[in-house]
Protein backbone atom coordinates (compact mmCIF):
# COMPACT_ATOMS: atom_id res chain seq x y z
CA MET A 1 -5.75 94.37 -106.11
CA SER A 2 -6.11 91.81 -103.59
CA ARG A 3 -9.13 91.98 -101.13
CA PRO A 4 -8.96 92.63 -97.61
CA PRO A 5 -9.72 89.59 -95.70
CA VAL A 6 -13.86 89.91 -94.40
CA ALA A 7 -14.23 90.08 -90.30
CA ARG A 8 -17.05 87.76 -89.17
CA THR A 9 -18.43 87.06 -86.08
CA ALA A 10 -20.89 84.09 -85.21
CA ASP A 11 -23.36 84.58 -82.83
CA ARG A 12 -23.95 82.86 -79.58
CA PRO A 13 -27.48 82.30 -78.69
CA ALA A 14 -27.95 83.05 -75.35
CA HIS A 15 -28.88 80.04 -72.71
CA ASP A 16 -32.39 80.00 -71.35
CA ARG A 17 -32.52 80.32 -67.40
CA SER A 18 -34.58 77.31 -67.25
CA ARG A 19 -32.27 75.07 -68.83
CA LEU A 20 -29.33 76.38 -67.03
CA ILE A 21 -31.38 75.45 -63.64
CA GLY A 22 -32.93 72.26 -64.88
CA THR A 23 -29.13 71.42 -65.87
CA GLY A 24 -27.93 71.97 -62.42
CA ILE A 25 -30.74 70.10 -60.90
CA SER A 26 -30.14 66.71 -62.68
CA TRP A 27 -26.60 67.15 -62.12
CA THR A 28 -27.09 67.05 -58.54
CA ALA A 29 -30.01 64.32 -58.54
CA ARG A 30 -27.40 62.34 -60.43
CA TRP A 31 -24.78 62.86 -57.87
CA SER A 32 -27.27 62.57 -54.82
CA GLY A 33 -28.40 59.38 -56.66
CA ARG A 34 -24.91 58.04 -56.54
CA TRP A 35 -24.14 58.91 -53.04
CA ILE A 36 -27.39 57.13 -51.90
CA LEU A 37 -26.33 54.25 -53.58
CA ILE A 38 -22.74 53.98 -52.03
CA ALA A 39 -24.21 54.44 -48.21
CA ILE A 40 -26.31 51.30 -49.22
CA GLY A 41 -23.71 49.73 -50.07
CA ALA A 42 -22.05 50.77 -46.94
CA ALA A 43 -24.64 49.90 -45.22
CA LEU A 44 -24.74 46.36 -46.31
CA LEU A 45 -20.87 45.91 -46.04
CA GLY A 46 -21.59 46.68 -42.22
CA VAL A 47 -24.61 44.25 -41.98
CA VAL A 48 -22.30 41.38 -43.71
CA VAL A 49 -18.99 42.23 -41.59
CA GLY A 50 -21.72 41.86 -38.60
CA GLN A 51 -22.34 38.45 -39.73
CA LEU A 52 -19.01 37.27 -40.61
CA TRP A 53 -17.49 38.75 -37.70
CA PRO A 54 -16.64 35.39 -35.71
CA ILE A 55 -14.52 34.71 -39.20
CA LEU A 56 -13.23 38.20 -39.36
CA LEU A 57 -11.89 38.61 -35.96
CA PRO A 58 -9.64 35.72 -35.71
CA VAL A 59 -7.88 36.00 -39.48
CA SER A 60 -7.59 40.26 -38.18
CA LEU A 61 -5.56 38.89 -35.36
CA ALA A 62 -3.93 36.90 -36.93
CA LEU A 63 -2.87 39.27 -39.59
CA VAL A 64 -2.25 41.57 -36.80
CA LEU A 65 0.24 38.61 -35.24
CA THR A 66 1.54 38.16 -38.29
CA THR A 67 2.72 42.00 -38.97
CA VAL A 68 5.07 41.50 -35.30
CA LEU A 69 6.42 37.71 -36.00
CA GLU A 70 6.97 37.99 -40.04
CA LYS A 71 10.75 39.85 -39.93
CA PRO A 72 11.98 37.27 -37.42
CA ALA A 73 10.64 34.23 -39.52
CA ARG A 74 12.04 35.55 -42.79
CA LEU A 75 15.22 36.19 -40.56
CA LEU A 76 15.36 32.38 -39.77
CA GLU A 77 15.00 31.50 -43.65
CA ASP A 78 17.21 33.83 -44.69
CA ARG A 79 20.24 33.54 -42.31
CA LEU A 80 19.81 29.87 -40.86
CA ARG A 81 17.92 28.58 -44.24
CA PHE A 82 15.38 27.18 -42.16
CA PRO A 83 12.57 25.73 -44.18
CA ALA A 84 9.57 28.34 -44.19
CA ALA A 85 7.20 25.72 -41.81
CA LEU A 86 9.87 25.34 -39.35
CA ALA A 87 10.69 29.00 -39.21
CA ALA A 88 7.37 29.59 -38.57
CA ALA A 89 6.48 27.02 -35.95
CA THR A 90 9.90 28.94 -34.10
CA VAL A 91 9.22 31.99 -34.22
CA LEU A 92 5.48 31.23 -32.70
CA LEU A 93 6.06 29.17 -30.27
CA GLY A 94 9.00 31.87 -29.00
CA GLY A 95 6.74 34.35 -29.04
CA ILE A 96 3.96 32.43 -26.96
CA LEU A 97 6.49 30.72 -24.59
CA GLY A 98 7.91 34.57 -24.68
CA LEU A 99 4.54 36.06 -23.52
CA LEU A 100 3.77 33.23 -20.89
CA ALA A 101 7.56 33.52 -19.11
CA ALA A 102 6.56 37.43 -18.86
CA GLY A 103 2.82 36.94 -17.57
CA PHE A 104 4.54 34.05 -14.75
CA ALA A 105 7.19 36.64 -13.97
CA ILE A 106 4.86 39.16 -13.09
CA ALA A 107 2.11 37.52 -12.50
CA PRO A 108 2.98 37.28 -8.49
CA LEU A 109 3.32 40.80 -8.25
CA VAL A 110 0.47 41.70 -10.35
CA SER A 111 -2.28 39.22 -8.39
CA GLY A 112 -0.86 40.65 -5.34
CA GLU A 113 -1.77 44.04 -5.64
CA ALA A 114 -4.61 43.76 -8.39
CA GLY A 115 -7.15 44.08 -5.20
CA ASP A 116 -4.84 46.75 -3.45
CA ILE A 117 -5.41 48.67 -6.87
CA VAL A 118 -9.05 48.44 -6.96
CA ASP A 119 -9.52 48.92 -3.40
CA ASP A 120 -7.37 52.41 -3.94
CA ALA A 121 -9.39 53.37 -6.45
CA SER A 122 -12.77 52.74 -4.92
CA ALA A 123 -11.09 55.03 -2.10
CA GLY A 124 -10.42 57.19 -4.19
CA LEU A 125 -13.75 57.71 -5.97
CA GLN A 126 -14.76 57.94 -2.15
CA THR A 127 -12.92 60.55 -1.16
CA VAL A 128 -13.86 62.36 -4.67
CA GLN A 129 -17.65 61.77 -3.64
CA ASP A 130 -16.98 63.07 -0.22
CA TRP A 131 -15.68 66.37 -1.72
CA ILE A 132 -18.40 67.19 -4.11
CA ASN A 133 -20.43 66.66 -0.43
CA ASP A 134 -18.68 69.14 0.99
CA GLN A 135 -18.78 71.65 -1.89
CA ASP A 136 -22.46 71.06 -1.74
CA PHE A 137 -22.75 70.12 -5.44
CA VAL A 138 -24.79 67.47 -4.89
CA SER A 139 -26.70 66.67 -1.52
CA ARG A 140 -26.55 63.83 0.75
CA ASP A 141 -29.98 62.58 0.30
CA GLN A 142 -30.02 62.31 -3.57
CA ILE A 143 -26.26 60.45 -3.19
CA ASP A 144 -28.58 58.03 -1.04
CA ALA A 145 -31.48 58.07 -3.18
CA GLY A 146 -29.28 57.00 -5.72
CA ILE A 147 -27.34 54.21 -4.08
CA GLN A 148 -30.25 52.78 -2.63
CA ALA A 149 -31.50 52.13 -6.60
CA VAL A 150 -28.56 50.43 -7.53
CA GLN A 151 -29.69 48.02 -4.39
CA ASP A 152 -32.92 47.66 -5.34
CA ARG A 153 -32.14 47.11 -9.20
CA LEU A 154 -29.22 44.59 -8.03
CA GLN A 155 -31.79 42.64 -6.01
CA GLY A 156 -34.76 42.78 -8.87
CA SER A 157 -32.08 41.49 -11.12
CA GLY A 158 -30.70 38.15 -10.09
CA GLY A 159 -32.31 36.39 -12.97
CA SER A 160 -30.61 38.54 -15.01
CA ILE A 161 -27.24 38.40 -13.03
CA ALA A 162 -27.32 34.77 -13.48
CA SER A 163 -28.07 34.86 -17.37
CA GLY A 164 -25.18 36.99 -17.43
CA VAL A 165 -22.67 34.75 -15.81
CA LEU A 166 -23.86 31.95 -18.53
CA SER A 167 -23.23 34.85 -20.86
CA GLY A 168 -19.91 35.21 -19.52
CA ILE A 169 -18.48 31.30 -19.52
CA ALA A 170 -19.91 31.19 -23.26
CA ALA A 171 -17.94 34.25 -23.89
CA ALA A 172 -15.38 32.88 -22.09
CA THR A 173 -15.03 29.59 -24.61
CA SER A 174 -15.82 32.04 -27.08
CA GLY A 175 -12.42 33.70 -26.91
CA LEU A 176 -10.38 30.53 -26.12
CA VAL A 177 -11.68 29.25 -29.65
CA THR A 178 -10.64 32.28 -31.14
CA ALA A 179 -7.53 32.74 -29.75
CA VAL A 180 -6.54 28.98 -31.18
CA VAL A 181 -8.21 29.34 -34.66
CA ALA A 182 -5.54 32.96 -34.44
CA LEU A 183 -2.71 31.02 -33.63
CA ILE A 184 -3.64 28.65 -36.18
CA LEU A 185 -4.46 31.27 -38.88
CA THR A 186 -0.88 32.82 -37.70
CA PHE A 187 1.02 30.06 -38.54
CA LEU A 188 -0.10 29.39 -42.03
CA PHE A 189 0.13 33.27 -42.93
CA LEU A 190 3.71 32.94 -41.81
CA LYS A 191 4.45 29.93 -43.82
CA ASP A 192 2.57 30.91 -46.75
CA GLY A 193 1.44 34.09 -46.89
CA ARG A 194 4.25 35.40 -49.11
CA GLY A 195 2.42 34.04 -52.09
CA PHE A 196 -0.90 35.62 -51.84
CA ILE A 197 -0.38 39.06 -53.45
CA PRO A 198 1.00 37.34 -56.42
CA MET A 199 -1.75 34.81 -56.31
CA VAL A 200 -4.25 37.66 -56.37
CA GLU A 201 -2.66 39.61 -59.19
CA ARG A 202 -2.11 36.89 -61.40
CA MET A 203 -5.87 36.15 -60.64
CA VAL A 204 -7.40 39.22 -61.53
CA GLY A 205 -4.89 40.41 -64.48
CA GLU A 206 -4.14 43.45 -66.12
CA PRO A 207 -4.66 46.40 -65.26
CA ALA A 208 -6.67 46.00 -62.18
CA GLY A 209 -4.21 43.09 -60.75
CA PHE A 210 -1.47 45.61 -60.35
CA HIS A 211 -3.56 48.28 -58.56
CA ILE A 212 -5.01 45.83 -56.03
CA ALA A 213 -1.54 44.30 -55.61
CA GLU A 214 0.17 47.69 -54.70
CA VAL A 215 -3.19 48.34 -52.37
CA LEU A 216 -2.09 45.34 -50.50
CA ARG A 217 1.42 45.96 -50.78
CA ARG A 218 1.06 49.45 -49.04
CA SER A 219 -1.66 48.11 -46.20
CA TRP A 220 0.57 45.59 -45.32
CA ARG A 221 3.26 48.13 -44.79
CA THR A 222 1.06 50.19 -42.72
CA LEU A 223 -0.58 47.51 -40.49
CA GLY A 224 3.16 46.24 -39.44
CA GLY A 225 4.59 49.17 -38.89
CA TYR A 226 1.37 50.99 -36.86
CA ILE A 227 1.80 47.70 -34.26
CA ARG A 228 5.66 48.36 -34.35
CA THR A 229 5.53 52.12 -33.49
CA GLN A 230 2.08 50.89 -30.99
CA ALA A 231 4.29 49.06 -29.10
CA VAL A 232 7.16 51.83 -28.64
CA VAL A 233 4.86 54.54 -27.86
CA SER A 234 3.07 52.62 -25.15
CA ALA A 235 6.56 51.63 -23.88
CA ILE A 236 7.83 54.83 -23.58
CA ASP A 237 4.53 56.01 -21.99
CA ALA A 238 4.93 53.28 -19.87
CA VAL A 239 8.58 54.07 -18.77
CA LEU A 240 8.00 57.82 -18.05
CA ILE A 241 4.76 57.19 -15.93
CA GLY A 242 5.84 54.22 -14.01
CA ALA A 243 8.92 56.88 -13.11
CA ALA A 244 6.92 59.45 -11.83
CA LEU A 245 4.54 56.43 -9.49
CA LEU A 246 7.66 55.27 -8.25
CA ILE A 247 9.20 59.13 -7.48
CA VAL A 248 6.20 60.37 -5.73
CA GLY A 249 6.00 56.75 -3.81
CA VAL A 250 2.82 55.22 -5.03
CA PRO A 251 3.31 51.38 -3.78
CA LEU A 252 1.47 49.97 -7.15
CA ALA A 253 3.76 51.85 -9.51
CA VAL A 254 4.32 48.54 -10.96
CA PRO A 255 1.54 47.27 -12.00
CA LEU A 256 -0.09 50.89 -13.04
CA ALA A 257 3.21 50.81 -15.49
CA LEU A 258 2.14 47.60 -16.91
CA LEU A 259 -1.55 48.46 -17.05
CA THR A 260 -0.01 52.06 -18.93
CA PHE A 261 1.97 49.56 -21.59
CA ILE A 262 -1.15 47.79 -22.47
CA GLY A 263 -3.65 50.78 -22.64
CA GLY A 264 -1.24 52.03 -24.67
CA PHE A 265 -2.93 49.70 -27.38
CA ILE A 266 -6.11 51.30 -27.45
CA PRO A 267 -5.33 54.92 -28.74
CA ILE A 268 -6.89 58.06 -26.52
CA VAL A 269 -9.40 55.31 -24.85
CA GLY A 270 -6.46 53.47 -23.32
CA ALA A 271 -4.73 56.05 -21.67
CA PHE A 272 -7.36 58.09 -20.62
CA VAL A 273 -9.00 55.14 -18.46
CA VAL A 274 -5.89 53.90 -16.92
CA GLY A 275 -4.71 57.41 -16.20
CA ALA A 276 -7.58 58.21 -14.15
CA LEU A 277 -6.93 54.87 -12.11
CA ALA A 278 -3.37 56.01 -11.68
CA VAL A 279 -4.58 59.37 -10.37
CA LEU A 280 -7.39 58.16 -8.32
CA VAL A 281 -4.65 55.34 -6.60
CA ALA A 282 -2.13 58.16 -6.09
CA LEU A 283 -5.10 60.35 -4.36
CA VAL A 284 -5.37 58.09 -1.80
CA SER A 285 -1.50 56.73 -1.51
CA ASN A 286 -0.14 59.79 -1.46
CA GLY A 287 -2.83 62.80 -0.57
CA LEU A 288 -4.20 65.80 -2.91
CA THR A 289 -0.85 66.67 -3.39
CA GLY A 290 0.78 63.38 -4.84
CA ALA A 291 -2.81 62.97 -7.42
CA ILE A 292 -2.00 66.34 -8.70
CA VAL A 293 1.52 65.77 -9.26
CA ILE A 294 0.51 62.40 -11.66
CA LEU A 295 -1.94 63.98 -12.96
CA VAL A 296 0.33 66.95 -14.47
CA VAL A 297 2.96 63.94 -15.29
CA ILE A 298 0.40 62.27 -17.25
CA VAL A 299 -1.04 65.17 -18.99
CA LEU A 300 2.68 65.88 -19.95
CA VAL A 301 3.03 62.30 -20.88
CA GLN A 302 0.48 62.31 -23.14
CA GLN A 303 1.10 65.99 -24.84
CA LEU A 304 4.60 64.56 -25.96
CA GLU A 305 2.83 61.32 -27.27
CA GLY A 306 0.38 63.09 -29.18
CA ASN A 307 2.17 65.83 -30.77
CA VAL A 308 6.16 64.51 -30.45
CA LEU A 309 6.15 60.91 -30.26
CA SER A 310 3.33 59.54 -32.51
CA PRO A 311 3.78 61.96 -35.07
CA TRP A 312 7.03 61.39 -35.78
CA LEU A 313 6.99 58.00 -35.47
CA GLN A 314 3.90 57.80 -37.37
CA SER A 315 4.06 59.72 -39.83
CA LYS A 316 5.19 57.60 -42.60
CA SER A 317 3.07 54.61 -41.67
CA MET A 318 -0.21 55.89 -40.36
CA GLN A 319 -0.75 59.59 -41.56
CA LEU A 320 -4.16 60.09 -39.33
CA HIS A 321 -5.52 62.69 -38.30
CA ALA A 322 -6.40 62.68 -34.28
CA ALA A 323 -10.09 63.01 -34.91
CA VAL A 324 -10.14 60.48 -37.16
CA VAL A 325 -8.27 57.97 -34.75
CA LEU A 326 -10.83 59.31 -31.90
CA LEU A 327 -13.75 58.80 -33.74
CA SER A 328 -12.33 54.88 -35.23
CA VAL A 329 -11.75 54.01 -31.82
CA THR A 330 -15.65 55.00 -30.56
CA LEU A 331 -17.11 53.54 -33.53
CA GLY A 332 -15.08 50.26 -33.35
CA GLY A 333 -16.16 50.00 -29.81
CA THR A 334 -19.36 50.52 -29.94
CA LEU A 335 -19.71 47.84 -32.18
CA PHE A 336 -17.29 45.20 -31.22
CA GLY A 337 -16.40 46.12 -27.89
CA ILE A 338 -12.76 46.22 -26.82
CA THR A 339 -11.59 43.94 -29.50
CA GLY A 340 -13.20 46.66 -31.95
CA ALA A 341 -11.42 49.26 -30.37
CA PHE A 342 -8.17 47.87 -30.58
CA LEU A 343 -8.79 46.94 -33.96
CA ALA A 344 -10.32 49.99 -35.30
CA VAL A 345 -7.57 52.09 -35.74
CA PRO A 346 -5.54 49.69 -38.00
CA ALA A 347 -8.86 48.83 -39.93
CA ALA A 348 -9.18 52.96 -40.37
CA ALA A 349 -5.26 52.99 -41.45
CA VAL A 350 -5.74 50.70 -43.90
CA VAL A 351 -9.07 52.60 -45.41
CA GLY A 352 -6.52 55.82 -45.24
CA VAL A 353 -3.99 53.58 -47.74
CA VAL A 354 -7.11 52.95 -50.11
CA VAL A 355 -7.86 56.52 -50.26
CA ARG A 356 -4.67 58.00 -50.74
CA TYR A 357 -3.73 55.33 -53.54
CA LEU A 358 -6.53 56.30 -55.20
CA ASP A 359 -6.01 60.26 -55.19
CA GLU A 360 -2.64 59.49 -56.26
CA VAL A 361 -4.20 57.47 -59.62
CA VAL A 362 -6.34 60.20 -59.99
CA GLY A 363 -4.24 63.11 -60.13
CA GLU A 364 -2.08 60.99 -62.29
CA ARG A 365 -4.38 60.96 -64.56
CA SER A 366 -5.62 64.19 -64.88
CA ARG A 367 -2.28 65.46 -64.75
CA PRO A 368 -1.44 67.18 -68.45
CA GLN A 369 -0.01 65.38 -70.51
CA PRO A 370 2.93 66.25 -72.86
CA VAL A 371 2.07 66.72 -76.72
CA ARG A 372 4.41 64.43 -79.12
CA LEU A 373 5.16 66.07 -82.33
CA GLU A 374 6.00 64.58 -85.42
CA ARG A 375 9.02 65.90 -87.61
CA GLY A 376 7.86 69.02 -89.71
CA ALA A 377 4.64 69.55 -87.55
CA PRO A 378 4.08 73.20 -86.48
CA PRO A 379 4.24 73.83 -82.90
CA PRO A 380 1.12 73.46 -80.85
CA GLY A 381 -0.78 76.74 -80.24
CA PRO A 382 -4.18 78.11 -80.16
CA PRO A 383 -6.22 77.78 -83.53
CA VAL A 384 -6.54 80.62 -85.91
CA ASP A 385 -10.03 82.00 -86.15
CA ARG A 386 -10.65 82.33 -90.05
CA GLY A 387 -14.50 82.37 -90.18
CA THR A 388 -15.52 80.83 -92.54
CA ASP A 389 -13.05 81.74 -95.27
CA GLU A 390 -11.50 78.48 -97.09
CA PRO A 391 -7.60 78.54 -97.13
CA GLY A 392 -6.07 81.03 -99.70
CA GLU A 393 -9.80 83.10 -100.35
CA GLY A 394 -8.30 86.10 -99.45
CA ASP A 395 -5.18 86.12 -102.06
CA GLU A 396 -7.63 86.16 -105.00
CA SER A 397 -6.54 89.06 -107.44
CA ASP A 398 -8.70 91.76 -108.96
């Protein structure tokens, strides 16, 4: 007769509470230290960017221009067989001449009405101020005291104003140098930029070179898509708001429409500032009713842009939440002024590309891998608990 197998159970020692708590504290300490190191690294990166900003600014502007001019340059090379240098120079000079021609065409209109825009905006602010006085929100004495304080401040700041003028001249000179360097870099990027990613991939080697090259390619597509899409969205906003200004009868409709197009390249903030300016001008030119109509049109256009145009046009190129865009513009404007506000969204989009690519890699590597079975091997399954018995031990006979 064969003996029945003996059921055996392994005793599991109970975990000590102090050991569990210590393990949790140790895990928290390790991850806290890692996040602190990441924060220190981000702060050091910010310091480096601030120190290298005179170099990074023309490079960033050149990259933006290159994304706009790359396709026309490649078209000249492929269709007309232009050499790379000739195609880059032709497209760059053509873009500069096109901008100058457009500037000369609209300059008389804008320059002739720029003073009127400022005067009407000031008059609109005065109208709002008078309305506030009539509503007794702020007393007349308080307003007069504030104006007097500003005048006293200006009279006592002659030296500061003079130094500010000198600083403005230095800033204008620096801006001119930055523009020239950015144009030269744009030419070089158009001519030789296509070999940069393969060179990086070859120098870094596998497997890191493949990942870096893929991130650079996706970032480049995202950057180009952002600039083209933002230009389309800004043009639509300018046409709709300009049409509303013309219908209402605002005399400065064309300059305000041009300002709307330019302000569209600074998301959220630019539209808000130009929209407020248009409402103030309409308030002076057409009264309260015209200002309300323009305000409603601007709000509707912004809703159309934020809920329909931008999500539809930028869904494949940006994939950024509106809160991320707003915080990026705020941070860029605070750190680097109007230029930082303009470059903040493309920078955030590139960071988003890196984060999404890392998520793809982690998801791919954490996915369960299929098991390859050799011929004659049993199918995979849960392990059989045999206790401590050796194979065949239960088949022994008396």
